[in-house]
C-alpha atoms as a PDB file:
ATOM      1  CA  MET A   1     163.120 191.011  83.041  1.00  0.00           C
ATOM      2  CA  VAL A   2     159.667 190.623  81.566  1.00  0.00           C
ATOM      3  CA  ALA A   3     156.718 190.152  83.888  1.00  0.00           C
ATOM      4  CA  LEU A   4     154.270 187.530  82.805  1.00  0.00           C
ATOM      5  CA  ALA A   5     150.567 188.236  83.315  1.00  0.00           C
ATOM      6  CA  LYS A   6     148.759 185.560  85.200  1.00  0.00           C
ATOM      7  CA  SER A   7     145.661 184.250  83.462  1.00  0.00           C
ATOM      8  CA  PRO A   8     142.663 183.390  85.601  1.00  0.00           C
ATOM      9  CA  VAL A   9     142.139 179.717  86.216  1.00  0.00           C
ATOM     10  CA  LEU A  10     138.666 178.621  85.191  1.00  0.00           C
ATOM     11  CA  ALA A  11     136.835 175.742  86.737  1.00  0.00           C
ATOM     12  CA  HIS A  12     135.875 172.969  84.355  1.00  0.00           C
ATOM     13  CA  ASP A  13     132.127 173.734  84.645  1.00  0.00           C
ATOM     14  CA  GLU A  14     132.634 177.377  83.725  1.00  0.00           C
ATOM     15  CA  CYS A  15     134.276 176.407  80.479  1.00  0.00           C
ATOM     16  CA  ASP A  16     131.502 174.122  79.280  1.00  0.00           C
ATOM     17  CA  ASP A  17     128.570 176.524  78.876  1.00  0.00           C
ATOM     18  CA  GLY A  18     129.780 179.867  80.133  1.00  0.00           C
ATOM     19  CA  ALA A  19     127.416 179.838  83.128  1.00  0.00           C
ATOM     20  CA  PRO A  20     128.875 180.017  86.595  1.00  0.00           C
ATOM     21  CA  PRO A  21     128.880 176.718  88.481  1.00  0.00           C
ATOM     22  CA  GLN A  22     126.007 175.979  90.817  1.00  0.00           C
ATOM     23  CA  PRO A  23     126.900 175.493  94.479  1.00  0.00           C
ATOM     24  CA  ALA A  24     126.870 171.945  95.739  1.00  0.00           C
ATOM     25  CA  PRO A  25     123.947 171.133  98.025  1.00  0.00           C
ATOM     26  CA  THR A  26     124.779 171.610 101.664  1.00  0.00           C
ATOM     27  CA  GLU A  27     123.615 169.554 104.593  1.00  0.00           C
ATOM     28  CA  SER A  28     120.949 172.110 105.493  1.00  0.00           C
ATOM     29  CA  HIS A  29     119.514 171.986 101.970  1.00  0.00           C
ATOM     30  CA  GLN A  30     119.398 168.211 102.111  1.00  0.00           C
ATOM     31  CA  SER A  31     117.699 168.072 105.514  1.00  0.00           C
ATOM     32  CA  VAL A  32     115.000 170.498 104.372  1.00  0.00           C
ATOM     33  CA  ALA A  33     114.374 168.404 101.277  1.00  0.00           C
ATOM     34  CA  LEU A  34     114.069 165.226 103.368  1.00  0.00           C
ATOM     35  CA  GLN A  35     111.542 166.712 105.811  1.00  0.00           C
ATOM     36  CA  SER A  36     108.202 165.377 104.677  1.00  0.00           C
ATOM     37  CA  ARG A  37     105.838 166.371 107.511  1.00  0.00           C
ATOM     38  CA  PRO A  38     104.950 169.789 108.841  1.00  0.00           C
ATOM     39  CA  GLU A  39     105.607 170.364 112.524  1.00  0.00           C
ATOM     40  CA  SER A  40     104.127 172.610 115.171  1.00  0.00           C
ATOM     41  CA  LYS A  41     105.155 173.292 118.776  1.00  0.00           C
ATOM     42  CA  ILE A  42     103.043 174.104 121.825  1.00  0.00           C
ATOM     43  CA  ILE A  43     104.807 175.360 124.938  1.00  0.00           C
ATOM     44  CA  ILE A  44     103.433 174.590 128.399  1.00  0.00           C
ATOM     45  CA  LYS A  45     104.336 177.552 130.570  1.00  0.00           C
ATOM     46  CA  LEU A  46     102.743 179.247 133.582  1.00  0.00           C
ATOM     47  CA  PHE A  47      99.933 176.664 133.639  1.00  0.00           C
ATOM     48  CA  GLN A  48      98.929 177.401 130.036  1.00  0.00           C
ATOM     49  CA  TYR A  49      99.259 175.781 126.627  1.00  0.00           C
ATOM     50  CA  GLN A  50     100.832 178.435 124.402  1.00  0.00           C
ATOM     51  CA  PRO A  51      99.233 178.892 121.931  1.00  0.00           C
ATOM     52  CA  GLU A  52      95.944 177.574 123.225  1.00  0.00           C
ATOM     53  CA  ARG A  53      94.518 176.948 119.738  1.00  0.00           C
ATOM     54  CA  ILE A  54      96.283 176.072 116.496  1.00  0.00           C
ATOM     55  CA  GLN A  55      95.349 175.043 112.978  1.00  0.00           C
ATOM     56  CA  ALA A  56      97.249 172.269 111.238  1.00  0.00           C
ATOM     57  CA  THR A  57      97.077 170.120 108.151  1.00  0.00           C
ATOM     58  CA  VAL A  58      96.688 166.346 108.064  1.00  0.00           C
ATOM     59  CA  GLY A  59     100.077 164.785 108.733  1.00  0.00           C
ATOM     60  CA  THR A  60     101.283 167.542 111.046  1.00  0.00           C
ATOM     61  CA  THR A  61     103.297 166.442 114.065  1.00  0.00           C
ATOM     62  CA  VAL A  62     102.554 168.566 117.119  1.00  0.00           C
ATOM     63  CA  THR A  63     105.068 168.634 119.962  1.00  0.00           C
ATOM     64  CA  TRP A  64     104.186 169.855 123.445  1.00  0.00           C
ATOM     65  CA  LEU A  65     107.150 171.026 125.553  1.00  0.00           C
ATOM     66  CA  ASN A  66     106.828 171.501 129.311  1.00  0.00           C
ATOM     67  CA  GLU A  67     108.661 174.618 130.492  1.00  0.00           C
ATOM     68  CA  ASP A  68     107.134 174.542 133.985  1.00  0.00           C
ATOM     69  CA  GLU A  69     108.991 172.922 136.881  1.00  0.00           C
ATOM     70  CA  ILE A  70     106.000 170.714 137.734  1.00  0.00           C
ATOM     71  CA  SER A  71     104.236 167.861 135.947  1.00  0.00           C
ATOM     72  CA  HIS A  72     101.464 168.384 133.416  1.00  0.00           C
ATOM     73  CA  THR A  73      99.626 166.046 131.048  1.00  0.00           C
ATOM     74  CA  VAL A  74      98.459 166.332 127.471  1.00  0.00           C
ATOM     75  CA  THR A  75      95.231 164.333 127.483  1.00  0.00           C
ATOM     76  CA  ALA A  76      92.855 164.102 124.510  1.00  0.00           C
ATOM     77  CA  GLY A  77      89.265 165.160 125.175  1.00  0.00           C
ATOM     78  CA  GLU A  78      87.828 167.195 128.041  1.00  0.00           C
ATOM     79  CA  PRO A  79      87.901 166.642 131.817  1.00  0.00           C
ATOM     80  CA  ASP A  80      84.422 165.079 131.875  1.00  0.00           C
ATOM     81  CA  LYS A  81      84.984 163.075 128.684  1.00  0.00           C
ATOM     82  CA  LYS A  82      88.387 161.667 127.778  1.00  0.00           C
ATOM     83  CA  GLY A  83      88.782 161.485 124.025  1.00  0.00           C
ATOM     84  CA  GLY A  84      91.379 158.765 123.684  1.00  0.00           C
ATOM     85  CA  GLY A  85      94.053 159.024 121.041  1.00  0.00           C
ATOM     86  CA  PHE A  86      96.753 160.435 123.311  1.00  0.00           C
ATOM     87  CA  ASP A  87      97.483 160.827 126.991  1.00  0.00           C
ATOM     88  CA  ALA A  88     101.011 161.790 127.959  1.00  0.00           C
ATOM     89  CA  ALA A  89     102.563 162.779 131.288  1.00  0.00           C
ATOM     90  CA  LEU A  90     105.234 165.467 131.037  1.00  0.00           C
ATOM     91  CA  ASP A  91     106.983 165.078 134.381  1.00  0.00           C
ATOM     92  CA  GLY A  92     108.799 168.384 134.751  1.00  0.00           C
ATOM     93  CA  LYS A  93     110.716 170.975 132.813  1.00  0.00           C
ATOM     94  CA  GLY A  94     112.145 169.899 129.465  1.00  0.00           C
ATOM     95  CA  LYS A  95     109.871 166.890 128.967  1.00  0.00           C
ATOM     96  CA  SER A  96     108.037 166.699 125.646  1.00  0.00           C
ATOM     97  CA  PHE A  97     105.444 164.668 123.804  1.00  0.00           C
ATOM     98  CA  SER A  98     104.705 164.497 120.060  1.00  0.00           C
ATOM     99  CA  PHE A  99     101.634 163.299 118.188  1.00  0.00           C
ATOM    100  CA  THR A 100     100.978 163.154 114.431  1.00  0.00           C
ATOM    101  CA  PHE A 101      97.434 164.027 113.352  1.00  0.00           C
ATOM    102  CA  ALA A 102      96.412 161.689 110.536  1.00  0.00           C
ATOM    103  CA  GLN A 103      92.737 162.653 110.222  1.00  0.00           C
ATOM    104  CA  PRO A 104      90.984 166.014 109.819  1.00  0.00           C
ATOM    105  CA  GLY A 105      88.859 167.226 112.704  1.00  0.00           C
ATOM    106  CA  THR A 106      88.879 169.314 115.857  1.00  0.00           C
ATOM    107  CA  TYR A 107      90.894 167.827 118.693  1.00  0.00           C
ATOM    108  CA  THR A 108      90.503 169.142 122.231  1.00  0.00           C
ATOM    109  CA  TYR A 109      92.928 168.339 125.034  1.00  0.00           C
ATOM    110  CA  TYR A 110      93.579 169.293 128.648  1.00  0.00           C
ATOM    111  CA  CYS A 111      95.854 168.693 131.641  1.00  0.00           C
ATOM    112  CA  GLU A 112      94.479 166.071 134.051  1.00  0.00           C
ATOM    113  CA  ARG A 113      96.287 167.689 136.982  1.00  0.00           C
ATOM    114  CA  HIS A 114      95.093 171.216 136.158  1.00  0.00           C
ATOM    115  CA  GLU A 115      91.732 170.927 134.411  1.00  0.00           C
ATOM    116  CA  HIS A 116      91.565 174.654 133.642  1.00  0.00           C
ATOM    117  CA  MET A 117      94.434 174.082 131.186  1.00  0.00           C
ATOM    118  CA  ARG A 118      92.815 173.354 127.823  1.00  0.00           C
ATOM    119  CA  GLY A 119      93.756 173.493 124.180  1.00  0.00           C
ATOM    120  CA  GLU A 120      92.406 172.784 120.730  1.00  0.00           C
ATOM    121  CA  ILE A 121      93.861 171.735 117.400  1.00  0.00           C
ATOM    122  CA  GLU A 122      91.889 172.088 114.193  1.00  0.00           C
ATOM    123  CA  VAL A 123      93.241 169.700 111.560  1.00  0.00           C
ATOM    124  CA  ARG A 124      92.256 170.292 107.947  1.00  0.00           C
END
């Protein structure tokens, strides 16, 4: 009996130009391509905004996430001078608030319940 050698099966794309086929885009590639805004996260933990200061570009969405068991706020401005723009209550662990910065500038914020908690975002 004569054994027949098996020839490798080539995909159609490999035959056309000799280059190996490119992988099809995956879901993760597509989601990265669709993301149009930068994002940044600030954690509220142990009565602090972490990090306390960040730099961002115009269009950045900043999300504050409360990891303390008690309520905090994210209030634009300073305790003696509210800045407007945003004022969110984060009533307990796991609560979050997001804000997109559309204009360059320096934005200060604080917690109304704990005025020693302060932060700053420099938007360029």
